[in-house]
Amino acid sequence: MSEDHRPVVRPIHAHEWRRVRDLRLLALTDEVAHLAFLDTHEDAARRPDEFWQERAAGSSVEAGEDSRFHQLVAVARLGSGDGPDDLPDGGAWLGSVTLLAETAGDTDFFGAPVTVTGVQLVGVYVRPDARGRGLIDRLVEAAVARARERGHDQVRLFVNEHNVRAAAAYRRCGFVETGHRVAGSTGDEVEMVRALG
């Protein structure tokens, strides 16, 4: 794939809530969704449009730089690069990652204290037909770059101990296990960190 035809990684816009919903529902059908997400397809599919509109608006460009959430999406380019159909808004959504800003002293979603101001990566997903082409690396690197631009000290994430594929991808992207684990219903959630200093 030439550089000109590589997917674009960019922030989402509030008006793209339907695409946010559709990609999330697709992610929740993945064979490892029960390990990777704290949600089920059944629950997510029942949520009203207003939920998805608020979710997209709160993690979009329009939410502003001070928003706690920022979702990035990998969008396939279309055509030759010369026409309106080639704009990232027109391409297929291939994957996504959401940055969750954390402040030292806060409590994370596992109920543990946050010790370092930084960003946690959540909702990392690449469609099966887009895997094996380095897209996860591009999404994670875009998230890391955004965290670095905002002056954060680290990026962290949790990966289920049984989600071997994801853990290997995160190691490849420079994340290391801290030794901190949180017991979950499907196995331990293993904390991995990448320092930005």
Protein backbone atom coordinates (compact mmCIF):
# COMPACT_ATOMS: atom_id res chain seq x y z
CA MET A 1 0.00 0.00 0.00
CA SER A 2 1.50 3.33 -1.00
CA GLU A 3 1.86 6.16 1.50
CA ASP A 4 -0.83 8.10 -0.41
CA HIS A 5 -3.37 5.32 0.07
CA ARG A 6 -2.68 4.49 3.71
CA PRO A 7 -5.63 5.06 6.03
CA VAL A 8 -5.90 8.44 7.71
CA VAL A 9 -5.94 8.49 11.51
CA ARG A 10 -7.94 11.47 12.73
CA PRO A 11 -10.26 12.65 15.52
CA ILE A 12 -13.96 11.99 15.16
CA HIS A 13 -16.64 14.66 14.69
CA ALA A 14 -19.86 14.87 16.65
CA HIS A 15 -22.03 14.42 13.54
CA GLU A 16 -20.41 11.00 12.97
CA TRP A 17 -22.26 9.39 15.89
CA ARG A 18 -23.85 6.72 13.68
CA ARG A 19 -20.41 5.60 12.52
CA VAL A 20 -19.17 5.64 16.13
CA ARG A 21 -22.11 3.41 17.07
CA ASP A 22 -21.66 1.05 14.13
CA LEU A 23 -17.94 0.54 14.71
CA ARG A 24 -18.51 -0.06 18.43
CA LEU A 25 -21.23 -2.63 17.71
CA LEU A 26 -18.93 -4.36 15.24
CA ALA A 27 -16.14 -4.39 17.85
CA LEU A 28 -18.48 -6.02 20.35
CA THR A 29 -19.04 -8.96 17.97
CA ASP A 30 -15.30 -9.75 17.88
CA GLU A 31 -14.29 -13.16 19.23
CA VAL A 32 -12.29 -11.53 22.04
CA ALA A 33 -14.82 -8.78 22.83
CA HIS A 34 -15.59 -10.42 26.18
CA LEU A 35 -11.91 -9.95 27.08
CA ALA A 36 -11.33 -6.54 25.50
CA PHE A 37 -14.40 -4.49 26.37
CA LEU A 38 -16.37 -3.81 29.52
CA ASP A 39 -19.58 -3.95 27.49
CA THR A 40 -21.67 -6.44 25.51
CA HIS A 41 -23.16 -6.22 22.05
CA GLU A 42 -26.62 -6.85 23.46
CA ASP A 43 -26.41 -3.95 25.93
CA ALA A 44 -24.86 -1.57 23.40
CA ALA A 45 -27.42 -2.39 20.70
CA ARG A 46 -30.26 -1.44 23.05
CA ARG A 47 -28.92 2.05 23.73
CA PRO A 48 -30.92 4.90 22.19
CA ASP A 49 -29.58 7.27 19.55
CA GLU A 50 -29.19 9.97 22.21
CA PHE A 51 -26.58 7.84 24.00
CA TRP A 52 -24.47 7.55 20.85
CA GLN A 53 -24.91 11.23 20.03
CA GLU A 54 -23.66 12.22 23.49
CA ARG A 55 -20.83 9.70 23.35
CA ALA A 56 -19.61 11.00 20.00
CA ALA A 57 -20.04 14.66 20.96
CA GLY A 58 -18.09 14.17 24.20
CA SER A 59 -15.07 12.61 22.50
CA SER A 60 -15.08 14.62 19.28
CA VAL A 61 -13.14 17.58 17.91
CA GLU A 62 -16.09 19.76 18.85
CA ALA A 63 -15.74 18.81 22.55
CA GLY A 64 -12.53 20.83 22.67
CA GLU A 65 -9.05 20.19 23.99
CA ASP A 66 -10.21 20.18 27.61
CA SER A 67 -12.51 17.20 27.12
CA ARG A 68 -11.59 14.13 29.15
CA PHE A 69 -12.23 11.82 26.14
CA HIS A 70 -10.81 11.96 22.61
CA GLN A 71 -11.61 9.29 20.03
CA LEU A 72 -9.38 8.71 17.03
CA VAL A 73 -10.46 6.69 14.03
CA ALA A 74 -8.57 5.11 11.13
CA VAL A 75 -10.37 5.89 7.88
CA ALA A 76 -9.63 4.23 4.55
CA ARG A 77 -8.90 6.52 1.64
CA LEU A 78 -10.98 6.01 -1.48
CA GLY A 79 -10.03 6.30 -5.12
CA SER A 80 -7.06 8.18 -6.51
CA GLY A 81 -6.81 11.00 -4.02
CA ASP A 82 -8.17 13.65 -6.40
CA GLY A 83 -11.91 13.84 -5.74
CA PRO A 84 -14.43 14.47 -2.97
CA ASP A 85 -14.87 10.72 -2.41
CA ASP A 86 -11.24 10.59 -1.34
CA LEU A 87 -11.85 12.69 1.76
CA PRO A 88 -11.47 10.78 5.05
CA ASP A 89 -15.14 11.41 5.88
CA GLY A 90 -16.10 9.28 2.89
CA GLY A 91 -13.99 6.21 3.61
CA ALA A 92 -14.62 3.06 5.61
CA TRP A 93 -13.82 3.17 9.32
CA LEU A 94 -11.18 0.51 9.93
CA GLY A 95 -10.38 0.97 13.60
CA SER A 96 -10.48 3.23 16.60
CA VAL A 97 -8.87 4.17 19.91
CA THR A 98 -10.10 6.47 22.66
CA LEU A 99 -7.87 8.50 24.95
CA LEU A 100 -9.08 8.99 28.51
CA ALA A 101 -7.27 11.80 30.34
CA GLU A 102 -6.35 10.93 33.92
CA THR A 103 -5.18 13.21 36.71
CA ALA A 104 -3.07 12.02 39.64
CA GLY A 105 -5.34 11.69 42.66
CA ASP A 106 -8.40 10.65 40.65
CA THR A 107 -9.89 7.16 40.81
CA ASP A 108 -9.84 4.99 37.68
CA PHE A 109 -12.72 2.81 36.47
CA PHE A 110 -11.38 -0.14 38.50
CA GLY A 111 -11.64 1.97 41.66
CA ALA A 112 -7.88 2.35 42.11
CA PRO A 113 -6.14 5.70 42.63
CA VAL A 114 -4.47 7.27 39.60
CA THR A 115 -0.85 7.94 40.55
CA VAL A 116 0.49 9.64 37.40
CA THR A 117 -1.18 12.29 35.29
CA GLY A 118 -1.48 10.91 31.79
CA VAL A 119 -3.74 9.17 29.34
CA GLN A 120 -5.33 5.75 29.38
CA LEU A 121 -6.10 4.08 26.06
CA VAL A 122 -9.50 2.37 25.94
CA GLY A 123 -11.70 0.89 23.24
CA VAL A 124 -8.82 -0.11 20.97
CA TYR A 125 -10.18 -1.98 17.96
CA VAL A 126 -9.23 -2.84 14.36
CA ARG A 127 -11.68 -4.55 12.03
CA PRO A 128 -10.70 -8.12 11.13
CA ASP A 129 -10.39 -7.29 7.42
CA ALA A 130 -7.89 -4.51 8.25
CA ARG A 131 -5.63 -6.50 10.59
CA GLY A 132 -2.08 -7.53 9.82
CA ARG A 133 -1.19 -4.24 8.10
CA GLY A 134 0.18 -2.29 11.05
CA LEU A 135 -3.00 -0.32 11.64
CA ILE A 136 -3.01 -0.96 15.39
CA ASP A 137 0.49 0.54 15.52
CA ARG A 138 -0.66 3.64 13.65
CA LEU A 139 -3.67 4.13 15.94
CA VAL A 140 -1.58 3.71 19.08
CA GLU A 141 1.20 5.97 17.78
CA ALA A 142 -1.35 8.68 16.92
CA ALA A 143 -2.77 8.41 20.44
CA VAL A 144 0.71 8.56 21.99
CA ALA A 145 1.57 11.60 19.87
CA ARG A 146 -1.60 13.36 20.99
CA ALA A 147 -0.83 12.60 24.65
CA ARG A 148 2.74 13.88 24.23
CA GLU A 149 1.50 17.10 22.57
CA ARG A 150 -0.70 17.72 25.60
CA GLY A 151 2.24 17.37 27.97
CA HIS A 152 1.28 14.05 29.56
CA ASP A 153 3.90 11.95 31.34
CA GLN A 154 2.66 8.52 30.33
CA VAL A 155 0.14 6.47 28.42
CA ARG A 156 -1.26 3.37 30.05
CA LEU A 157 -3.78 0.68 29.25
CA PHE A 158 -5.17 -2.54 30.62
CA VAL A 159 -5.22 -5.77 28.64
CA ASN A 160 -6.81 -9.03 29.71
CA GLU A 161 -4.24 -11.71 30.49
CA HIS A 162 -5.92 -14.03 27.96
CA ASN A 163 -5.92 -11.45 25.13
CA VAL A 164 -2.53 -12.55 23.82
CA ARG A 165 -2.91 -10.90 20.41
CA ALA A 166 -3.57 -7.46 21.91
CA ALA A 167 -0.81 -7.77 24.51
CA ALA A 168 1.73 -8.60 21.78
CA ALA A 169 0.62 -5.57 19.75
CA TYR A 170 1.00 -3.28 22.75
CA ARG A 171 4.49 -4.63 23.50
CA ARG A 172 5.42 -3.98 19.89
CA CYS A 173 4.23 -0.38 20.40
CA GLY A 174 6.57 0.12 23.37
CA PHE A 175 4.28 -0.69 26.31
CA VAL A 176 5.65 -2.68 29.25
CA GLU A 177 3.86 -4.48 32.04
CA THR A 178 4.00 -2.70 35.39
CA GLY A 179 3.16 -5.74 37.53
CA HIS A 180 -0.16 -4.17 38.56
CA ARG A 181 -3.14 -6.44 37.92
CA VAL A 182 -6.84 -6.11 38.56
CA ALA A 183 -8.95 -9.23 38.99
CA GLY A 184 -11.80 -9.43 36.50
CA SER A 185 -14.57 -11.89 35.68
CA THR A 186 -12.63 -13.26 32.67
CA GLY A 187 -9.14 -13.14 34.18
CA ASP A 188 -6.71 -10.48 35.36
CA GLU A 189 -6.51 -7.10 33.67
CA VAL A 190 -2.80 -6.39 33.23
CA GLU A 191 -1.61 -2.78 33.35
CA MET A 192 0.88 -1.76 30.65
CA VAL A 193 2.58 1.64 30.47
CA ARG A 194 4.58 3.64 27.97
CA ALA A 195 6.52 6.54 29.46
CA LEU A 196 6.59 9.74 27.42
CA GLY A 197 9.60 11.38 29.04
